[in-house]
Amino acid sequence: MATFKFILSKLDYQKRKKSPESLLMLRYTHKKKATHFSTHKNIDEKYWDERTQMVKRSYPGSDRFNIYIKGIRQKVEDIVNGMLIDGNDPTTDYVKSVYNADKNGTEKKKQYTFFEYAEKYLENGKNRLTASTIKSYRTALHKLEDYQDYSRSKLDWMNIDIDFYYDFMDFYTGIEGLTNNGFGKIIKNLKAILNSATEDGYNTFTGYQHKNFKTVREDVNNIYLSEEEISKLLKLDLSSDKTMERTRDLFVFGCYTGLRFSDFSQVKQEHIVGDILRIKTIKTSEWVNIPILPAVREIMDKYKDNPNNLPKSVSNQTMNRNLKDLGEMAKINDKILKIRNKGKERIEDNLLKYQMICTHTARRSFATNMFKRGVPTRVIMNITGHRTEKAFNTYIKISQDENAELLKEYFSKSA
């Protein structure tokens, strides 16, 4: 009698590493002889239900996994049943040969190394990923290649596990001296590539799904500009330097719309409908409707002869450089203690506030100043495009003193 059963079998490298994972195989037994068919899938035994012969619901992607292995079993069963119908004896050797012949008869799926698949992932993502996102992935891959050179080991599917995670963290924050947040961004991009490769069937090694193989993000004390400080920028006489003037005006536009640089540098006439700026953001591809506030209207009136009623954009790098000069000119020079972490090391830098101004300061300034004005969080989020309050709250940069003042104002109004 023919029987079918999935079993877990540890490979040699899994035994050496004492890995909790095993290769899942289908065992076909007939007349006391057995043969095995590989599913090419590895799984931690805690996720395998021996009784139901299925992956447990607690396993991420269990539905897809179970459909996949059911397909393998069905294929072998079809071969056996077909032979029985024809009156042939479905010996283990013969069934295995028919299975392999069918498998080899179809077009063999190309195999990729990790870095080869990463290139494929980015190539396929050109139509859905922004240029800045692709650049972020490129940066991550370059750092992984640097780690590969440092560790003198080839980085591929089977060794991207929790041991790699901690070793790469030591390399990135200790050897390279970079921040934990930078490490977290690379891990986030790495996991996106690995998840895609696993779903596509190119990666069967799931060591990266360890609970501690996670992105890290630490809140850093980035700045915002108060409305008083923005007013200082607006009062600067920049008539003799049109580039600096355009930089200032674009930045203020961002401070009162909450748009990212990639969006406010590409506003077009058709985005402006009456007193509303309606634009599809580049990063999230979401439509946002932003009221044209008085400060924005003044800038648009100033540049009414331009096609989009805004100053001609400058590059992000030029704008970041100019903003620091503008901040110094406006005497935005509060002392700021900037704190970052590199691994377990705490890094403190004493800076003047103008040294920390960049294009993204505009977006943080919008969110914080609207919050200080008492605009409901959900209303601000609808404009900034934040999906969760957790993400939104990273943009609120009020100090402890400002927070206390806001609480006092709240109680004085409600008294």
Protein backbone atom coordinates (compact mmCIF):
# COMPACT_ATOMS: atom_id res chain seq x y z
CA MET A 1 0.00 0.00 0.00
CA ALA A 2 1.34 3.41 -0.98
CA THR A 3 1.68 5.98 1.84
CA PHE A 4 2.73 9.61 1.87
CA LYS A 5 4.13 11.58 4.79
CA PHE A 6 6.03 14.82 5.25
CA ILE A 7 9.06 14.51 7.50
CA LEU A 8 11.68 16.91 8.87
CA SER A 9 15.29 16.03 8.03
CA LYS A 10 18.32 17.97 9.26
CA LEU A 11 21.03 18.73 6.73
CA ASP A 12 24.69 18.48 7.71
CA TYR A 13 25.21 22.25 7.93
CA GLN A 14 22.08 22.53 10.09
CA LYS A 15 23.46 19.90 12.45
CA ARG A 16 26.83 21.68 12.64
CA LYS A 17 25.22 24.99 13.48
CA LYS A 18 22.68 23.33 15.79
CA SER A 19 20.00 25.09 13.80
CA PRO A 20 16.38 24.66 14.95
CA GLU A 21 15.42 24.40 11.28
CA SER A 22 15.14 21.22 9.20
CA LEU A 23 14.50 20.50 5.55
CA LEU A 24 10.90 19.44 4.90
CA MET A 25 10.67 16.34 2.70
CA LEU A 26 7.85 14.17 1.39
CA ARG A 27 8.40 10.46 2.05
CA TYR A 28 6.70 8.00 -0.31
CA THR A 29 6.57 4.39 0.89
CA HIS A 30 5.50 1.39 -1.19
CA LYS A 31 6.07 -2.31 -0.43
CA LYS A 32 8.35 -1.48 2.52
CA LYS A 33 10.59 0.70 0.33
CA ALA A 34 10.78 4.48 0.67
CA THR A 35 11.99 7.42 -1.38
CA HIS A 36 12.04 11.11 -0.60
CA PHE A 37 11.06 14.27 -2.49
CA SER A 38 12.54 17.56 -1.34
CA THR A 39 10.23 20.55 -0.88
CA HIS A 40 13.33 22.80 -0.88
CA LYS A 41 11.83 24.47 2.18
CA ASN A 42 13.38 24.73 5.64
CA ILE A 43 11.29 25.26 8.74
CA ASP A 44 11.68 25.38 12.52
CA GLU A 45 10.12 22.22 13.95
CA LYS A 46 8.06 24.31 16.40
CA TYR A 47 6.01 25.53 13.41
CA TRP A 48 5.35 22.01 12.04
CA ASP A 49 2.17 20.15 12.97
CA GLU A 50 2.93 16.46 12.64
CA ARG A 51 -0.70 15.43 13.10
CA THR A 52 -2.19 17.65 10.38
CA GLN A 53 0.92 17.47 8.19
CA MET A 54 0.72 21.23 7.77
CA VAL A 55 2.57 24.34 8.86
CA LYS A 56 1.00 25.95 11.91
CA ARG A 57 -0.95 29.20 11.57
CA SER A 58 1.60 30.95 13.78
CA TYR A 59 4.20 30.66 10.99
CA PRO A 60 4.42 33.84 8.84
CA GLY A 61 3.09 33.03 5.38
CA SER A 62 1.63 29.68 6.50
CA ASP A 63 -1.14 29.73 3.88
CA ARG A 64 1.29 30.07 0.97
CA PHE A 65 3.62 27.46 2.50
CA ASN A 66 0.83 24.90 2.91
CA ILE A 67 -0.48 25.46 -0.61
CA TYR A 68 3.04 24.94 -1.93
CA ILE A 69 3.68 21.62 -0.14
CA LYS A 70 0.18 20.35 -0.96
CA GLY A 71 1.07 20.89 -4.61
CA ILE A 72 4.17 18.69 -4.28
CA ARG A 73 2.21 15.92 -2.57
CA GLN A 74 -0.56 16.14 -5.16
CA LYS A 75 1.95 15.81 -7.99
CA VAL A 76 3.44 12.61 -6.52
CA GLU A 77 -0.01 11.19 -5.74
CA ASP A 78 -1.13 11.86 -9.33
CA ILE A 79 1.84 9.86 -10.65
CA VAL A 80 1.06 6.93 -8.32
CA ASN A 81 -2.69 6.94 -9.04
CA GLY A 82 -2.09 7.19 -12.78
CA MET A 83 0.13 4.12 -12.67
CA LEU A 84 -2.40 2.17 -10.60
CA ILE A 85 -5.19 3.03 -13.07
CA ASP A 86 -3.00 1.76 -15.93
CA GLY A 87 -2.35 -1.43 -13.99
CA ASN A 88 1.31 -0.67 -13.34
CA ASP A 89 3.19 -1.16 -10.07
CA PRO A 90 4.12 2.30 -8.64
CA THR A 91 7.54 1.33 -7.30
CA THR A 92 9.44 3.99 -5.41
CA ASP A 93 12.24 4.08 -7.97
CA TYR A 94 9.87 4.39 -10.91
CA VAL A 95 7.71 7.07 -9.29
CA LYS A 96 10.85 9.05 -8.43
CA SER A 97 12.11 8.77 -12.04
CA VAL A 98 8.77 9.94 -13.47
CA TYR A 99 8.67 12.84 -10.99
CA ASN A 100 12.21 13.93 -11.90
CA ALA A 101 11.50 13.54 -15.62
CA ASP A 102 8.47 15.80 -15.32
CA LYS A 103 10.49 18.26 -13.29
CA ASN A 104 13.38 18.31 -15.74
CA GLY A 105 11.01 18.44 -18.68
CA THR A 106 9.75 21.84 -17.60
CA GLU A 107 11.88 24.93 -17.88
CA LYS A 108 14.35 24.93 -15.02
CA LYS A 109 13.97 27.94 -12.74
CA LYS A 110 17.05 30.12 -12.72
CA GLN A 111 18.89 30.17 -9.43
CA TYR A 112 20.25 33.41 -8.05
CA THR A 113 22.82 34.28 -5.45
CA PHE A 114 21.70 36.86 -2.90
CA PHE A 115 23.39 39.77 -4.68
CA GLU A 116 22.13 38.60 -8.10
CA TYR A 117 18.59 38.48 -6.79
CA ALA A 118 18.99 41.91 -5.16
CA GLU A 119 19.82 43.34 -8.60
CA LYS A 120 16.76 41.60 -10.05
CA TYR A 121 14.64 43.00 -7.20
CA LEU A 122 15.76 46.57 -7.89
CA GLU A 123 15.39 46.16 -11.65
CA ASN A 124 11.82 44.92 -11.24
CA GLY A 125 11.11 47.71 -8.77
CA LYS A 126 11.99 50.60 -11.05
CA ASN A 127 8.31 51.31 -11.74
CA ARG A 128 7.17 51.13 -8.12
CA LEU A 129 10.14 52.42 -6.12
CA THR A 130 11.20 56.05 -6.03
CA ALA A 131 14.71 57.09 -7.02
CA SER A 132 15.53 57.91 -3.39
CA THR A 133 14.31 54.48 -2.24
CA ILE A 134 16.42 52.70 -4.86
CA LYS A 135 19.38 54.81 -3.77
CA SER A 136 18.75 53.66 -0.18
CA TYR A 137 18.80 50.01 -1.32
CA ARG A 138 22.04 50.64 -3.25
CA THR A 139 23.65 52.10 -0.14
CA ALA A 140 22.58 49.03 1.83
CA LEU A 141 24.01 46.63 -0.75
CA HIS A 142 27.32 48.52 -0.87
CA LYS A 143 27.61 48.24 2.92
CA LEU A 144 26.84 44.53 2.77
CA GLU A 145 29.59 44.13 0.18
CA ASP A 146 31.96 46.06 2.47
CA TYR A 147 31.05 43.66 5.27
CA GLN A 148 31.67 40.72 2.96
CA ASP A 149 35.18 42.02 2.25
CA TYR A 150 35.79 42.67 5.95
CA SER A 151 34.60 39.24 7.11
CA ARG A 152 36.33 37.45 4.21
CA SER A 153 33.26 35.30 3.69
CA LYS A 154 30.84 35.15 0.80
CA LEU A 155 27.44 36.49 1.83
CA ASP A 156 24.63 34.32 0.49
CA TRP A 157 21.21 32.95 1.45
CA MET A 158 22.37 30.26 3.86
CA ASN A 159 24.51 32.50 6.09
CA ILE A 160 22.17 35.47 6.46
CA ASP A 161 21.02 34.48 9.94
CA ILE A 162 21.08 35.83 13.49
CA ASP A 163 24.85 35.25 13.76
CA PHE A 164 25.34 37.40 10.67
CA TYR A 165 22.99 40.03 12.15
CA TYR A 166 25.09 40.58 15.26
CA ASP A 167 28.38 40.38 13.36
CA PHE A 168 27.18 42.94 10.82
CA MET A 169 25.99 45.22 13.64
CA ASP A 170 29.46 45.09 15.21
CA PHE A 171 31.03 45.87 11.82
CA TYR A 172 28.65 48.74 10.99
CA THR A 173 28.60 50.48 14.36
CA GLY A 174 32.01 49.42 15.70
CA ILE A 175 34.39 49.13 12.75
CA GLU A 176 32.67 51.67 10.48
CA GLY A 177 31.62 53.89 13.40
CA LEU A 178 28.12 54.48 11.99
CA THR A 179 24.83 54.91 13.83
CA ASN A 180 22.25 52.39 14.98
CA ASN A 181 19.58 54.08 12.86
CA GLY A 182 21.69 53.60 9.75
CA PHE A 183 22.08 49.93 10.65
CA GLY A 184 18.32 49.67 11.11
CA LYS A 185 17.63 51.08 7.63
CA ILE A 186 19.94 48.50 6.03
CA ILE A 187 18.26 45.64 7.92
CA LYS A 188 14.85 46.94 6.83
CA ASN A 189 15.91 46.91 3.16
CA LEU A 190 17.65 43.55 3.54
CA LYS A 191 14.51 41.93 4.99
CA ALA A 192 12.40 43.31 2.14
CA ILE A 193 14.70 41.62 -0.40
CA LEU A 194 14.81 38.36 1.58
CA ASN A 195 11.02 38.23 2.00
CA SER A 196 10.56 38.78 -1.72
CA ALA A 197 13.10 36.07 -2.58
CA THR A 198 11.43 33.64 -0.18
CA GLU A 199 7.98 34.29 -1.66
CA ASP A 200 9.37 33.88 -5.18
CA GLY A 201 10.94 30.54 -4.22
CA TYR A 202 14.58 31.57 -4.71
CA ASN A 203 15.44 31.53 -1.00
CA THR A 204 14.64 28.58 1.26
CA PHE A 205 16.77 29.64 4.22
CA THR A 206 14.73 31.41 6.87
CA GLY A 207 17.35 32.22 9.50
CA TYR A 208 16.56 35.89 8.96
CA GLN A 209 13.09 35.30 10.42
CA HIS A 210 14.59 34.95 13.90
CA LYS A 211 12.66 37.16 16.36
CA ASN A 212 15.79 39.21 17.13
CA PHE A 213 16.65 39.79 13.47
CA LYS A 214 14.85 43.13 13.53
CA THR A 215 15.16 46.70 12.44
CA VAL A 216 16.23 49.20 15.08
CA ARG A 217 15.21 52.80 15.29
CA GLU A 218 16.23 55.26 17.96
CA ASP A 219 14.63 58.64 18.35
CA VAL A 220 17.21 61.35 17.68
CA ASN A 221 16.84 64.95 18.70
CA ASN A 222 16.32 66.41 15.26
CA ILE A 223 15.24 70.03 15.28
CA TYR A 224 12.28 72.03 14.05
CA LEU A 225 12.02 75.78 13.54
CA SER A 226 9.42 77.68 15.53
CA GLU A 227 7.21 80.16 13.70
CA GLU A 228 9.29 82.94 15.26
CA GLU A 229 12.45 81.47 13.75
CA ILE A 230 10.76 81.05 10.37
CA SER A 231 9.79 84.71 10.61
CA LYS A 232 13.46 85.59 11.15
CA LEU A 233 14.27 83.86 7.86
CA LEU A 234 11.52 85.77 6.06
CA LYS A 235 12.86 89.10 7.33
CA LEU A 236 16.29 88.55 5.76
CA ASP A 237 17.03 90.89 2.85
CA LEU A 238 18.24 88.53 0.14
CA SER A 239 17.56 90.70 -2.89
CA SER A 240 21.26 90.64 -3.82
CA ASP A 241 21.44 86.82 -3.87
CA LYS A 242 18.60 85.24 -5.83
CA THR A 243 19.74 81.66 -5.17
CA MET A 244 19.64 82.19 -1.41
CA GLU A 245 16.30 83.95 -1.74
CA ARG A 246 14.82 81.05 -3.72
CA THR A 247 16.19 78.59 -1.17
CA ARG A 248 14.61 80.50 1.70
CA ASP A 249 11.24 80.84 -0.02
CA LEU A 250 11.07 77.16 -1.00
CA PHE A 251 11.97 76.16 2.54
CA VAL A 252 9.25 78.36 4.03
CA PHE A 253 6.82 76.89 1.50
CA GLY A 254 7.72 73.47 2.92
CA CYS A 255 7.30 74.75 6.49
CA TYR A 256 3.65 75.66 5.79
CA THR A 257 2.66 72.70 3.59
CA GLY A 258 4.42 69.77 5.31
CA LEU A 259 5.66 68.44 1.97
CA ARG A 260 8.95 66.60 1.52
CA PHE A 261 11.66 68.16 -0.63
CA SER A 262 10.92 65.66 -3.43
CA ASP A 263 7.34 66.96 -3.51
CA PHE A 264 7.61 70.72 -2.91
CA SER A 265 10.42 70.98 -5.46
CA GLN A 266 8.12 69.60 -8.18
CA VAL A 267 4.81 71.41 -7.59
CA LYS A 268 3.04 72.22 -10.86
CA GLN A 269 0.28 74.65 -11.75
CA GLU A 270 -2.28 71.85 -12.08
CA HIS A 271 -1.69 70.92 -8.43
CA ILE A 272 -3.17 74.25 -7.32
CA VAL A 273 -6.98 74.37 -7.28
CA GLY A 274 -8.27 77.58 -5.71
CA ASP A 275 -7.06 77.65 -2.12
CA ILE A 276 -6.07 73.98 -2.09
CA LEU A 277 -2.81 72.33 -3.10
CA ARG A 278 -3.64 68.78 -4.23
CA ILE A 279 -0.63 66.59 -4.95
CA LYS A 280 0.27 62.89 -5.13
CA THR A 281 3.35 62.38 -2.97
CA ILE A 282 6.32 60.67 -4.57
CA LYS A 283 7.39 58.53 -1.61
CA THR A 284 4.00 57.04 -0.68
CA SER A 285 2.01 57.65 -3.91
CA GLU A 286 -0.84 59.05 -1.80
CA TRP A 287 -2.94 62.10 -2.63
CA VAL A 288 -2.91 64.87 -0.04
CA ASN A 289 -5.02 68.03 0.04
CA ILE A 290 -3.26 70.97 1.69
CA PRO A 291 -4.88 74.36 2.35
CA ILE A 292 -2.86 77.27 1.01
CA LEU A 293 -2.05 79.17 4.20
CA PRO A 294 -1.30 82.94 4.19
CA ALA A 295 2.51 82.44 4.29
CA VAL A 296 2.27 80.13 1.26
CA ARG A 297 -0.02 82.54 -0.60
CA GLU A 298 2.49 85.39 -0.09
CA ILE A 299 5.26 83.28 -1.66
CA MET A 300 3.02 82.27 -4.57
CA ASP A 301 2.04 85.90 -5.19
CA LYS A 302 5.71 86.85 -5.16
CA TYR A 303 6.43 84.33 -7.94
CA LYS A 304 3.14 84.72 -9.82
CA ASP A 305 4.99 85.12 -13.12
CA ASN A 306 6.50 81.63 -12.80
CA PRO A 307 4.56 78.69 -14.28
CA ASN A 308 3.85 77.10 -10.87
CA ASN A 309 3.80 80.32 -8.81
CA LEU A 310 6.91 79.12 -6.98
CA PRO A 311 10.64 79.85 -7.17
CA LYS A 312 12.75 77.64 -9.43
CA SER A 313 14.00 74.66 -7.41
CA VAL A 314 17.62 74.06 -6.46
CA SER A 315 19.20 70.65 -5.78
CA ASN A 316 18.75 69.02 -2.37
CA GLN A 317 22.49 69.27 -1.65
CA THR A 318 22.63 72.96 -2.58
CA MET A 319 19.55 73.69 -0.53
CA ASN A 320 20.91 71.93 2.56
CA ARG A 321 24.15 73.89 2.30
CA ASN A 322 22.36 77.21 1.79
CA LEU A 323 19.92 76.61 4.63
CA LYS A 324 22.73 76.45 7.16
CA ASP A 325 24.08 79.76 5.88
CA LEU A 326 20.61 81.28 6.03
CA GLY A 327 20.13 80.03 9.58
CA GLU A 328 23.41 81.60 10.62
CA MET A 329 22.43 84.89 8.96
CA ALA A 330 19.10 84.83 10.84
CA LYS A 331 20.95 84.15 14.10
CA ILE A 332 19.16 80.86 14.74
CA ASN A 333 21.99 79.83 17.01
CA ASP A 334 20.56 78.11 20.07
CA LYS A 335 22.93 75.49 21.44
CA ILE A 336 21.81 71.94 20.72
CA LEU A 337 23.21 68.73 22.23
CA LYS A 338 22.89 66.10 19.49
CA ILE A 339 22.90 62.55 20.83
CA ARG A 340 23.39 59.45 18.69
CA ASN A 341 24.24 55.83 19.39
CA LYS A 342 26.86 53.70 17.64
CA GLY A 343 26.31 50.21 18.96
CA LYS A 344 26.45 50.64 22.73
CA GLU A 345 28.51 53.83 22.49
CA ARG A 346 26.72 57.13 23.11
CA ILE A 347 27.97 60.00 20.94
CA GLU A 348 27.30 63.60 21.98
CA ASP A 349 27.92 66.63 19.75
CA ASN A 350 27.46 70.25 20.79
CA LEU A 351 26.08 72.17 17.80
CA LEU A 352 24.46 75.48 17.01
CA LYS A 353 20.90 75.10 15.79
CA TYR A 354 21.53 76.54 12.32
CA GLN A 355 24.11 73.77 11.72
CA MET A 356 21.30 71.20 11.91
CA ILE A 357 18.85 72.81 9.48
CA CYS A 358 18.12 70.74 6.36
CA THR A 359 15.29 70.38 3.86
CA HIS A 360 13.47 67.84 6.06
CA THR A 361 13.42 70.38 8.90
CA ALA A 362 10.58 72.06 6.99
CA ARG A 363 8.33 69.00 7.31
CA ARG A 364 9.09 68.59 11.02
CA SER A 365 8.46 72.31 11.53
CA PHE A 366 5.04 72.08 9.88
CA ALA A 367 3.95 69.10 12.00
CA THR A 368 5.25 70.58 15.26
CA ASN A 369 3.96 74.11 14.75
CA MET A 370 0.50 72.89 13.74
CA PHE A 371 0.49 70.64 16.82
CA LYS A 372 1.45 73.62 19.01
CA ARG A 373 -1.41 75.62 17.49
CA GLY A 374 -3.80 72.94 18.71
CA VAL A 375 -4.67 71.44 15.33
CA PRO A 376 -5.96 67.87 15.92
CA THR A 377 -3.38 65.17 15.26
CA ARG A 378 -5.59 63.35 12.74
CA VAL A 379 -6.01 66.56 10.69
CA ILE A 380 -2.23 67.10 10.55
CA MET A 381 -1.66 63.43 9.64
CA ASN A 382 -4.08 63.73 6.72
CA ILE A 383 -1.87 66.48 5.34
CA THR A 384 1.53 64.95 6.09
CA GLY A 385 0.35 61.54 4.89
CA HIS A 386 1.43 59.66 8.02
CA ARG A 387 -0.45 56.36 8.38
CA THR A 388 0.19 55.82 12.11
CA GLU A 389 0.44 58.10 15.12
CA LYS A 390 3.68 56.34 16.06
CA ALA A 391 5.30 57.50 12.81
CA PHE A 392 3.75 60.94 13.13
CA ASN A 393 4.96 61.42 16.69
CA THR A 394 8.59 61.19 15.57
CA TYR A 395 8.01 64.55 13.84
CA ILE A 396 6.77 66.36 16.96
CA LYS A 397 9.91 67.97 18.34
CA ILE A 398 8.74 70.17 21.20
CA SER A 399 10.96 70.54 24.25
CA GLN A 400 9.94 69.66 27.80
CA ASP A 401 9.42 73.38 28.55
CA GLU A 402 7.20 73.79 25.47
CA ASN A 403 5.24 70.71 26.46
CA ALA A 404 4.62 72.15 29.92
CA GLU A 405 3.45 75.45 28.40
CA LEU A 406 1.05 73.62 26.08
CA LEU A 407 -0.43 71.77 29.05
CA LYS A 408 -0.87 75.03 30.96
CA GLU A 409 -2.63 76.62 27.96
CA TYR A 410 -4.90 73.61 27.61
CA PHE A 411 -6.03 73.81 31.23
CA SER A 412 -6.46 77.60 31.13
CA LYS A 413 -8.81 77.22 28.13
CA SER A 414 -10.81 74.44 29.74
CA ALA A 415 -11.08 76.16 33.12
